[in-house]
Amino acid sequence: MFKREAVFPVGRHALYEKNGYSAAIRSGDLLFVSGQVGSRADGSPEPDFEAQVRQAFANLEATLAAAGCTFDDMIDVTTFHTDPEAQMDAVMAVKTEKLSHTPYPNWTAIGATWLAGFDFEIKVTARIPSRASASVSRRNPPTMWDMASLGYSHISVAEPGRLAFLSGQIAAAPGIDAVPDDLAEQATIATSSLAAALKELEATAHDIVMVRVYVVNATTEAFGQALVPLRALFGDAMPSITTIGVQALYRPEIKVEIEMVVRLP
């Protein structure tokens, strides 16, 4: 049975002791990294936003290194932003320096109202390359929108264990030039991309392990609209699901984003 093992980087910053959490947890060949922020050694944030993003990536790199990993071992990346529209250019500039070559990890970007005094946070799951069989493969099927041009992948498959992590899907697909304003239409398009990913992976809804649904300015009615196409996709399958209200997503016109983890048959 796998045991939970805490991982800390050399010269870990004060936030871990102050708030009582670990930089990362190792379970088997998977490393679950806590959200990394642009904190200096005393736990305070870098005042300049770009410097804060660079420090967050540096803290992430140090945490990965403590487990014997690099950026190339990242499977699933989630970034949190207090003002995505204004901040994304600076984030992408740093990201391009740090993750400069293919294959890229998958990515979900979330707008948040509070990050404990910080303006950027990056959370990842990585594969620890402890055995020759431990590897990560990336997929960007042509039936899904061109995420590779942004420097990320739609699907990352972790071996062994056969877990596939999907980037958050939005109202984007081949042949769709404009994002519809209607939330239900956006959810339908995003769900169609999830269905395309399942087909690419030769999986079904019964292989879905986890789903997260992010809705901007969420209400019960809005979540209800987002879940209608998902229920059709699930059929009689009953995956775990988490619904989260956020203040913004990747672009201002995006109202819903859905990410998924699948166990491959």
C-alpha atoms as a PDB file:
ATOM      1  CA  MET A   1       0.000   0.000   0.000  1.00  0.00           C
ATOM      2  CA  PHE A   2       1.263   3.465  -0.878  1.00  0.00           C
ATOM      3  CA  LYS A   3       2.197   5.673   2.050  1.00  0.00           C
ATOM      4  CA  ARG A   4       1.882   9.441   2.100  1.00  0.00           C
ATOM      5  CA  GLU A   5       5.296  11.106   2.157  1.00  0.00           C
ATOM      6  CA  ALA A   6       5.812  14.843   2.658  1.00  0.00           C
ATOM      7  CA  VAL A   7       8.282  16.603   0.335  1.00  0.00           C
ATOM      8  CA  PHE A   8       9.929  19.955   1.039  1.00  0.00           C
ATOM      9  CA  PRO A   9      12.449  21.931  -1.022  1.00  0.00           C
ATOM     10  CA  VAL A  10      15.835  22.984   0.277  1.00  0.00           C
ATOM     11  CA  GLY A  11      15.469  26.327   2.064  1.00  0.00           C
ATOM     12  CA  ARG A  12      11.698  26.018   2.261  1.00  0.00           C
ATOM     13  CA  HIS A  13       9.870  29.274   2.864  1.00  0.00           C
ATOM     14  CA  ALA A  14       8.036  30.235   6.042  1.00  0.00           C
ATOM     15  CA  LEU A  15       4.496  29.706   4.721  1.00  0.00           C
ATOM     16  CA  TYR A  16       4.657  25.942   5.274  1.00  0.00           C
ATOM     17  CA  GLU A  17       5.297  26.256   9.005  1.00  0.00           C
ATOM     18  CA  LYS A  18       3.004  29.251   9.419  1.00  0.00           C
ATOM     19  CA  ASN A  19      -0.018  27.606   7.795  1.00  0.00           C
ATOM     20  CA  GLY A  20       0.714  23.947   8.583  1.00  0.00           C
ATOM     21  CA  TYR A  21       0.933  22.255   5.193  1.00  0.00           C
ATOM     22  CA  SER A  22       3.487  20.414   3.050  1.00  0.00           C
ATOM     23  CA  ALA A  23       5.067  21.669  -0.160  1.00  0.00           C
ATOM     24  CA  ALA A  24       4.114  18.399  -1.823  1.00  0.00           C
ATOM     25  CA  ILE A  25       2.897  14.903  -1.042  1.00  0.00           C
ATOM     26  CA  ARG A  26       4.301  11.826  -2.736  1.00  0.00           C
ATOM     27  CA  SER A  27       1.979   8.840  -3.175  1.00  0.00           C
ATOM     28  CA  GLY A  28       3.484   6.026  -5.199  1.00  0.00           C
ATOM     29  CA  ASP A  29       4.719   7.506  -8.483  1.00  0.00           C
ATOM     30  CA  LEU A  30       2.560  10.622  -8.238  1.00  0.00           C
ATOM     31  CA  LEU A  31       3.572  13.942  -6.673  1.00  0.00           C
ATOM     32  CA  PHE A  32       0.802  16.320  -5.606  1.00  0.00           C
ATOM     33  CA  VAL A  33       2.302  19.811  -5.252  1.00  0.00           C
ATOM     34  CA  SER A  34       0.623  22.479  -3.135  1.00  0.00           C
ATOM     35  CA  GLY A  35      -0.153  25.737  -4.877  1.00  0.00           C
ATOM     36  CA  GLN A  36       3.123  27.643  -5.202  1.00  0.00           C
ATOM     37  CA  VAL A  37       3.130  31.425  -4.873  1.00  0.00           C
ATOM     38  CA  GLY A  38       5.710  34.141  -5.341  1.00  0.00           C
ATOM     39  CA  SER A  39       6.808  34.150  -1.711  1.00  0.00           C
ATOM     40  CA  ARG A  40      10.191  35.178  -0.452  1.00  0.00           C
ATOM     41  CA  ALA A  41      11.977  33.231   2.309  1.00  0.00           C
ATOM     42  CA  ASP A  42      10.023  35.038   5.059  1.00  0.00           C
ATOM     43  CA  GLY A  43       6.699  34.196   3.375  1.00  0.00           C
ATOM     44  CA  SER A  44       5.981  37.703   2.108  1.00  0.00           C
ATOM     45  CA  PRO A  45       4.993  38.249  -1.550  1.00  0.00           C
ATOM     46  CA  GLU A  46       7.234  39.754  -4.191  1.00  0.00           C
ATOM     47  CA  PRO A  47       5.696  43.227  -4.724  1.00  0.00           C
ATOM     48  CA  ASP A  48       6.219  43.298  -8.513  1.00  0.00           C
ATOM     49  CA  PHE A  49       3.785  41.011 -10.342  1.00  0.00           C
ATOM     50  CA  GLU A  50       6.226  39.563 -12.886  1.00  0.00           C
ATOM     51  CA  ALA A  51       8.777  38.976 -10.127  1.00  0.00           C
ATOM     52  CA  GLN A  52       6.042  37.238  -8.139  1.00  0.00           C
ATOM     53  CA  VAL A  53       5.287  34.906 -11.063  1.00  0.00           C
ATOM     54  CA  ARG A  54       8.997  34.153 -11.537  1.00  0.00           C
ATOM     55  CA  GLN A  55       9.373  33.398  -7.830  1.00  0.00           C
ATOM     56  CA  ALA A  56       6.331  31.088  -7.922  1.00  0.00           C
ATOM     57  CA  PHE A  57       7.907  29.137 -10.788  1.00  0.00           C
ATOM     58  CA  ALA A  58      11.226  29.061  -8.877  1.00  0.00           C
ATOM     59  CA  ASN A  59       9.473  27.725  -5.757  1.00  0.00           C
ATOM     60  CA  LEU A  60       7.696  25.136  -7.907  1.00  0.00           C
ATOM     61  CA  GLU A  61      10.951  24.075  -9.553  1.00  0.00           C
ATOM     62  CA  ALA A  62      12.625  23.654  -6.154  1.00  0.00           C
ATOM     63  CA  THR A  63       9.738  21.552  -4.859  1.00  0.00           C
ATOM     64  CA  LEU A  64       9.776  19.333  -7.945  1.00  0.00           C
ATOM     65  CA  ALA A  65      13.561  18.927  -7.617  1.00  0.00           C
ATOM     66  CA  ALA A  66      13.173  17.788  -4.001  1.00  0.00           C
ATOM     67  CA  ALA A  67      11.183  14.804  -5.318  1.00  0.00           C
ATOM     68  CA  GLY A  68      13.563  14.121  -8.200  1.00  0.00           C
ATOM     69  CA  CYS A  69      11.321  15.782 -10.785  1.00  0.00           C
ATOM     70  CA  THR A  70      11.616  18.570 -13.347  1.00  0.00           C
ATOM     71  CA  PHE A  71       9.086  20.640 -15.272  1.00  0.00           C
ATOM     72  CA  ASP A  72       9.075  17.856 -17.894  1.00  0.00           C
ATOM     73  CA  ASP A  73       7.470  15.509 -15.356  1.00  0.00           C
ATOM     74  CA  MET A  74       4.432  17.725 -14.765  1.00  0.00           C
ATOM     75  CA  ILE A  75       1.140  16.140 -15.766  1.00  0.00           C
ATOM     76  CA  ASP A  76      -1.558  18.576 -14.735  1.00  0.00           C
ATOM     77  CA  VAL A  77      -1.159  22.338 -14.181  1.00  0.00           C
ATOM     78  CA  THR A  78      -3.697  24.721 -12.656  1.00  0.00           C
ATOM     79  CA  THR A  79      -2.963  28.436 -12.339  1.00  0.00           C
ATOM     80  CA  PHE A  80      -4.959  30.922 -10.268  1.00  0.00           C
ATOM     81  CA  HIS A  81      -5.081  34.650 -11.100  1.00  0.00           C
ATOM     82  CA  THR A  82      -6.611  37.634  -9.309  1.00  0.00           C
ATOM     83  CA  ASP A  83      -6.998  39.526 -12.614  1.00  0.00           C
ATOM     84  CA  PRO A  84      -6.558  37.095 -15.537  1.00  0.00           C
ATOM     85  CA  GLU A  85      -7.171  39.570 -18.356  1.00  0.00           C
ATOM     86  CA  ALA A  86      -4.544  42.034 -17.097  1.00  0.00           C
ATOM     87  CA  GLN A  87      -2.036  39.441 -15.884  1.00  0.00           C
ATOM     88  CA  MET A  88      -2.032  36.766 -18.585  1.00  0.00           C
ATOM     89  CA  ASP A  89       0.574  38.360 -20.868  1.00  0.00           C
ATOM     90  CA  ALA A  90       3.123  38.506 -18.035  1.00  0.00           C
ATOM     91  CA  VAL A  91       2.303  34.949 -16.965  1.00  0.00           C
ATOM     92  CA  MET A  92       2.648  33.614 -20.504  1.00  0.00           C
ATOM     93  CA  ALA A  93       5.996  35.375 -20.941  1.00  0.00           C
ATOM     94  CA  VAL A  94       7.436  33.638 -17.870  1.00  0.00           C
ATOM     95  CA  LYS A  95       5.761  30.356 -18.762  1.00  0.00           C
ATOM     96  CA  THR A  96       7.315  30.437 -22.244  1.00  0.00           C
ATOM     97  CA  GLU A  97      10.770  30.783 -20.695  1.00  0.00           C
ATOM     98  CA  LYS A  98      10.253  27.961 -18.207  1.00  0.00           C
ATOM     99  CA  LEU A  99       8.241  25.549 -20.393  1.00  0.00           C
ATOM    100  CA  SER A 100       9.829  26.249 -23.744  1.00  0.00           C
ATOM    101  CA  HIS A 101       9.568  22.920 -25.549  1.00  0.00           C
ATOM    102  CA  THR A 102       7.071  20.219 -26.386  1.00  0.00           C
ATOM    103  CA  PRO A 103       5.455  18.078 -25.194  1.00  0.00           C
ATOM    104  CA  TYR A 104       3.601  20.566 -23.008  1.00  0.00           C
ATOM    105  CA  PRO A 105       1.604  19.746 -19.846  1.00  0.00           C
ATOM    106  CA  ASN A 106      -2.127  20.344 -19.783  1.00  0.00           C
ATOM    107  CA  TRP A 107      -3.439  23.503 -18.152  1.00  0.00           C
ATOM    108  CA  THR A 108      -6.472  25.059 -16.469  1.00  0.00           C
ATOM    109  CA  ALA A 109      -6.453  28.805 -15.678  1.00  0.00           C
ATOM    110  CA  ILE A 110      -8.818  30.147 -13.007  1.00  0.00           C
ATOM    111  CA  GLY A 111      -9.666  33.664 -11.869  1.00  0.00           C
ATOM    112  CA  ALA A 112      -9.815  33.885  -8.072  1.00  0.00           C
ATOM    113  CA  THR A 113     -10.857  36.673  -5.713  1.00  0.00           C
ATOM    114  CA  TRP A 114      -8.340  35.831  -2.973  1.00  0.00           C
ATOM    115  CA  LEU A 115      -4.929  34.134  -2.912  1.00  0.00           C
ATOM    116  CA  ALA A 116      -3.817  34.927   0.651  1.00  0.00           C
ATOM    117  CA  GLY A 117      -2.203  38.225  -0.336  1.00  0.00           C
ATOM    118  CA  PHE A 118      -0.680  36.960  -3.589  1.00  0.00           C
ATOM    119  CA  ASP A 119      -1.797  37.565  -7.170  1.00  0.00           C
ATOM    120  CA  PHE A 120      -0.663  34.322  -8.826  1.00  0.00           C
ATOM    121  CA  GLU A 121      -0.552  30.678  -7.743  1.00  0.00           C
ATOM    122  CA  ILE A 122       0.442  27.522  -9.640  1.00  0.00           C
ATOM    123  CA  LYS A 123      -0.575  24.009  -8.553  1.00  0.00           C
ATOM    124  CA  VAL A 124       0.600  20.824 -10.282  1.00  0.00           C
ATOM    125  CA  THR A 125       0.475  17.063 -10.252  1.00  0.00           C
ATOM    126  CA  ALA A 126       3.673  15.390 -11.473  1.00  0.00           C
ATOM    127  CA  ARG A 127       4.899  11.900 -12.266  1.00  0.00           C
ATOM    128  CA  ILE A 128       7.987  10.913 -10.261  1.00  0.00           C
ATOM    129  CA  PRO A 129      10.422   9.229 -12.681  1.00  0.00           C
ATOM    130  CA  SER A 130      11.458   6.547 -10.194  1.00  0.00           C
ATOM    131  CA  ARG A 131      11.134   3.616 -12.587  1.00  0.00           C
ATOM    132  CA  ALA A 132      11.800   3.044 -16.253  1.00  0.00           C
ATOM    133  CA  SER A 133       8.079   2.431 -16.769  1.00  0.00           C
ATOM    134  CA  ALA A 134       7.108   5.769 -15.260  1.00  0.00           C
ATOM    135  CA  SER A 135       6.430   8.172 -18.100  1.00  0.00           C
ATOM    136  CA  VAL A 136       4.061  10.867 -19.309  1.00  0.00           C
ATOM    137  CA  SER A 137       2.655  11.108 -22.820  1.00  0.00           C
ATOM    138  CA  ARG A 138       0.865  14.142 -24.264  1.00  0.00           C
ATOM    139  CA  ARG A 139      -1.979  14.289 -26.758  1.00  0.00           C
ATOM    140  CA  ASN A 140      -3.552  17.104 -28.782  1.00  0.00           C
ATOM    141  CA  PRO A 141      -6.107  15.354 -31.012  1.00  0.00           C
ATOM    142  CA  PRO A 142      -7.232  17.242 -34.156  1.00  0.00           C
ATOM    143  CA  THR A 143     -10.861  16.870 -33.053  1.00  0.00           C
ATOM    144  CA  MET A 144     -10.170  19.357 -30.234  1.00  0.00           C
ATOM    145  CA  TRP A 145      -9.195  23.024 -30.467  1.00  0.00           C
ATOM    146  CA  ASP A 146      -5.571  24.068 -31.006  1.00  0.00           C
ATOM    147  CA  MET A 147      -4.242  24.274 -27.458  1.00  0.00           C
ATOM    148  CA  ALA A 148      -0.695  23.429 -28.539  1.00  0.00           C
ATOM    149  CA  SER A 149      -0.327  26.918 -30.039  1.00  0.00           C
ATOM    150  CA  LEU A 150      -0.595  28.286 -26.474  1.00  0.00           C
ATOM    151  CA  GLY A 151       2.128  25.938 -25.262  1.00  0.00           C
ATOM    152  CA  TYR A 152      -0.054  23.389 -23.478  1.00  0.00           C
ATOM    153  CA  SER A 153      -1.617  19.998 -24.205  1.00  0.00           C
ATOM    154  CA  HIS A 154      -5.221  18.837 -23.926  1.00  0.00           C
ATOM    155  CA  ILE A 155      -4.379  15.432 -22.441  1.00  0.00           C
ATOM    156  CA  SER A 156      -1.513  14.113 -20.312  1.00  0.00           C
ATOM    157  CA  VAL A 157      -1.412  10.367 -19.673  1.00  0.00           C
ATOM    158  CA  ALA A 158       0.573   9.121 -16.670  1.00  0.00           C
ATOM    159  CA  GLU A 159       2.178   5.679 -16.856  1.00  0.00           C
ATOM    160  CA  PRO A 160       1.957   3.306 -15.054  1.00  0.00           C
ATOM    161  CA  GLY A 161      -1.524   3.558 -13.599  1.00  0.00           C
ATOM    162  CA  ARG A 162      -3.041   4.804 -16.836  1.00  0.00           C
ATOM    163  CA  LEU A 163      -4.489   8.052 -15.541  1.00  0.00           C
ATOM    164  CA  ALA A 164      -5.308  10.708 -18.142  1.00  0.00           C
ATOM    165  CA  PHE A 165      -5.515  14.337 -16.970  1.00  0.00           C
ATOM    166  CA  LEU A 166      -7.487  16.701 -19.218  1.00  0.00           C
ATOM    167  CA  SER A 167      -6.984  20.435 -19.409  1.00  0.00           C
ATOM    168  CA  GLY A 168     -10.007  22.551 -18.548  1.00  0.00           C
ATOM    169  CA  GLN A 169     -12.269  22.598 -21.594  1.00  0.00           C
ATOM    170  CA  ILE A 170     -13.979  25.806 -22.684  1.00  0.00           C
ATOM    171  CA  ALA A 171     -16.260  26.892 -25.538  1.00  0.00           C
ATOM    172  CA  ALA A 172     -13.622  26.312 -28.206  1.00  0.00           C
ATOM    173  CA  ALA A 173     -13.595  23.694 -30.936  1.00  0.00           C
ATOM    174  CA  PRO A 174     -12.504  23.321 -34.581  1.00  0.00           C
ATOM    175  CA  GLY A 175     -14.827  25.392 -36.764  1.00  0.00           C
ATOM    176  CA  ILE A 176     -16.038  27.653 -33.944  1.00  0.00           C
ATOM    177  CA  ASP A 177     -14.739  31.193 -34.455  1.00  0.00           C
ATOM    178  CA  ALA A 178     -16.651  33.071 -31.763  1.00  0.00           C
ATOM    179  CA  VAL A 179     -17.560  32.116 -28.210  1.00  0.00           C
ATOM    180  CA  PRO A 180     -21.367  32.142 -27.755  1.00  0.00           C
ATOM    181  CA  ASP A 181     -22.660  34.412 -25.013  1.00  0.00           C
ATOM    182  CA  ASP A 182     -25.069  31.810 -23.640  1.00  0.00           C
ATOM    183  CA  LEU A 183     -23.628  29.758 -20.759  1.00  0.00           C
ATOM    184  CA  ALA A 184     -25.582  26.627 -21.698  1.00  0.00           C
ATOM    185  CA  GLU A 185     -24.166  26.762 -25.243  1.00  0.00           C
ATOM    186  CA  GLN A 186     -20.658  27.204 -23.856  1.00  0.00           C
ATOM    187  CA  ALA A 187     -21.128  24.185 -21.571  1.00  0.00           C
ATOM    188  CA  THR A 188     -22.370  22.107 -24.514  1.00  0.00           C
ATOM    189  CA  ILE A 189     -19.273  22.932 -26.572  1.00  0.00           C
ATOM    190  CA  ALA A 190     -16.930  22.223 -23.652  1.00  0.00           C
ATOM    191  CA  THR A 191     -18.677  18.909 -22.993  1.00  0.00           C
ATOM    192  CA  SER A 192     -18.326  17.985 -26.668  1.00  0.00           C
ATOM    193  CA  SER A 193     -14.564  18.421 -26.256  1.00  0.00           C
ATOM    194  CA  LEU A 194     -14.628  16.117 -23.229  1.00  0.00           C
ATOM    195  CA  ALA A 195     -16.490  13.545 -25.332  1.00  0.00           C
ATOM    196  CA  ALA A 196     -13.850  13.910 -28.070  1.00  0.00           C
ATOM    197  CA  ALA A 197     -11.134  13.292 -25.497  1.00  0.00           C
ATOM    198  CA  LEU A 198     -12.876  10.146 -24.238  1.00  0.00           C
ATOM    199  CA  LYS A 199     -13.048   8.887 -27.835  1.00  0.00           C
ATOM    200  CA  GLU A 200      -9.347   9.662 -28.351  1.00  0.00           C
ATOM    201  CA  LEU A 201      -8.534   7.685 -25.199  1.00  0.00           C
ATOM    202  CA  GLU A 202     -10.877   4.803 -26.156  1.00  0.00           C
ATOM    203  CA  ALA A 203     -12.623   5.365 -22.834  1.00  0.00           C
ATOM    204  CA  THR A 204     -16.252   5.828 -21.766  1.00  0.00           C
ATOM    205  CA  ALA A 205     -18.044   7.870 -19.138  1.00  0.00           C
ATOM    206  CA  HIS A 206     -17.656   4.936 -16.740  1.00  0.00           C
ATOM    207  CA  ASP A 207     -13.886   5.518 -16.858  1.00  0.00           C
ATOM    208  CA  ILE A 208     -14.189   9.121 -15.616  1.00  0.00           C
ATOM    209  CA  VAL A 209     -12.620   9.466 -12.174  1.00  0.00           C
ATOM    210  CA  MET A 210     -13.099  13.145 -11.408  1.00  0.00           C
ATOM    211  CA  VAL A 211     -14.768  16.231 -12.907  1.00  0.00           C
ATOM    212  CA  ARG A 212     -14.442  19.870 -11.855  1.00  0.00           C
ATOM    213  CA  VAL A 213     -16.815  22.535 -13.189  1.00  0.00           C
ATOM    214  CA  TYR A 214     -15.861  26.216 -12.891  1.00  0.00           C
ATOM    215  CA  VAL A 215     -18.581  28.818 -13.517  1.00  0.00           C
ATOM    216  CA  VAL A 216     -18.081  32.599 -13.522  1.00  0.00           C
ATOM    217  CA  ASN A 217     -20.341  34.514 -11.104  1.00  0.00           C
ATOM    218  CA  ALA A 218     -22.006  31.240 -10.254  1.00  0.00           C
ATOM    219  CA  THR A 219     -25.594  30.748  -9.157  1.00  0.00           C
ATOM    220  CA  THR A 220     -27.595  27.564  -8.644  1.00  0.00           C
ATOM    221  CA  GLU A 221     -29.299  28.212 -11.985  1.00  0.00           C
ATOM    222  CA  ALA A 222     -25.976  28.726 -13.769  1.00  0.00           C
ATOM    223  CA  PHE A 223     -24.577  25.470 -12.417  1.00  0.00           C
ATOM    224  CA  GLY A 224     -27.784  23.752 -13.492  1.00  0.00           C
ATOM    225  CA  GLN A 225     -27.256  24.953 -17.068  1.00  0.00           C
ATOM    226  CA  ALA A 226     -23.634  23.794 -17.055  1.00  0.00           C
ATOM    227  CA  LEU A 227     -24.521  20.331 -15.766  1.00  0.00           C
ATOM    228  CA  VAL A 228     -27.225  19.502 -18.338  1.00  0.00           C
ATOM    229  CA  PRO A 229     -24.837  18.424 -21.152  1.00  0.00           C
ATOM    230  CA  LEU A 230     -22.577  16.711 -18.612  1.00  0.00           C
ATOM    231  CA  ARG A 231     -25.443  14.548 -17.377  1.00  0.00           C
ATOM    232  CA  ALA A 232     -26.080  13.508 -20.981  1.00  0.00           C
ATOM    233  CA  LEU A 233     -22.390  12.602 -21.340  1.00  0.00           C
ATOM    234  CA  PHE A 234     -22.321  10.654 -18.052  1.00  0.00           C
ATOM    235  CA  GLY A 235     -25.446   8.593 -18.705  1.00  0.00           C
ATOM    236  CA  ASP A 236     -25.662   6.130 -15.820  1.00  0.00           C
ATOM    237  CA  ALA A 237     -22.032   6.693 -14.820  1.00  0.00           C
ATOM    238  CA  MET A 238     -21.540   8.515 -11.536  1.00  0.00           C
ATOM    239  CA  PRO A 239     -18.076  10.145 -11.419  1.00  0.00           C
ATOM    240  CA  SER A 240     -17.052  12.383  -8.549  1.00  0.00           C
ATOM    241  CA  ILE A 241     -17.699  16.038  -9.341  1.00  0.00           C
ATOM    242  CA  THR A 242     -16.825  19.389  -7.786  1.00  0.00           C
ATOM    243  CA  THR A 243     -18.574  22.645  -8.753  1.00  0.00           C
ATOM    244  CA  ILE A 244     -16.716  25.902  -8.118  1.00  0.00           C
ATOM    245  CA  GLY A 245     -17.795  29.513  -8.581  1.00  0.00           C
ATOM    246  CA  VAL A 246     -15.013  31.825  -9.808  1.00  0.00           C
ATOM    247  CA  GLN A 247     -14.658  35.502 -10.672  1.00  0.00           C
ATOM    248  CA  ALA A 248     -13.097  34.952 -14.113  1.00  0.00           C
ATOM    249  CA  LEU A 249     -11.616  32.346 -16.437  1.00  0.00           C
ATOM    250  CA  TYR A 250      -9.018  32.342 -19.217  1.00  0.00           C
ATOM    251  CA  ARG A 251     -10.687  35.151 -21.204  1.00  0.00           C
ATOM    252  CA  PRO A 252     -13.489  37.565 -20.221  1.00  0.00           C
ATOM    253  CA  GLU A 253     -16.020  35.946 -22.573  1.00  0.00           C
ATOM    254  CA  ILE A 254     -15.501  32.456 -21.108  1.00  0.00           C
ATOM    255  CA  LYS A 255     -18.218  31.606 -18.552  1.00  0.00           C
ATOM    256  CA  VAL A 256     -17.614  27.917 -17.884  1.00  0.00           C
ATOM    257  CA  GLU A 257     -14.629  25.573 -17.847  1.00  0.00           C
ATOM    258  CA  ILE A 258     -14.632  21.817 -17.182  1.00  0.00           C
ATOM    259  CA  GLU A 259     -11.668  19.587 -16.375  1.00  0.00           C
ATOM    260  CA  MET A 260     -11.575  15.825 -16.014  1.00  0.00           C
ATOM    261  CA  VAL A 261      -9.409  12.878 -14.940  1.00  0.00           C
ATOM    262  CA  VAL A 262      -9.947   9.512 -16.633  1.00  0.00           C
ATOM    263  CA  ARG A 263      -8.699   6.028 -15.769  1.00  0.00           C
ATOM    264  CA  LEU A 264      -7.866   4.377 -19.070  1.00  0.00           C
ATOM    265  CA  PRO A 265      -9.373   0.954 -19.722  1.00  0.00           C
END
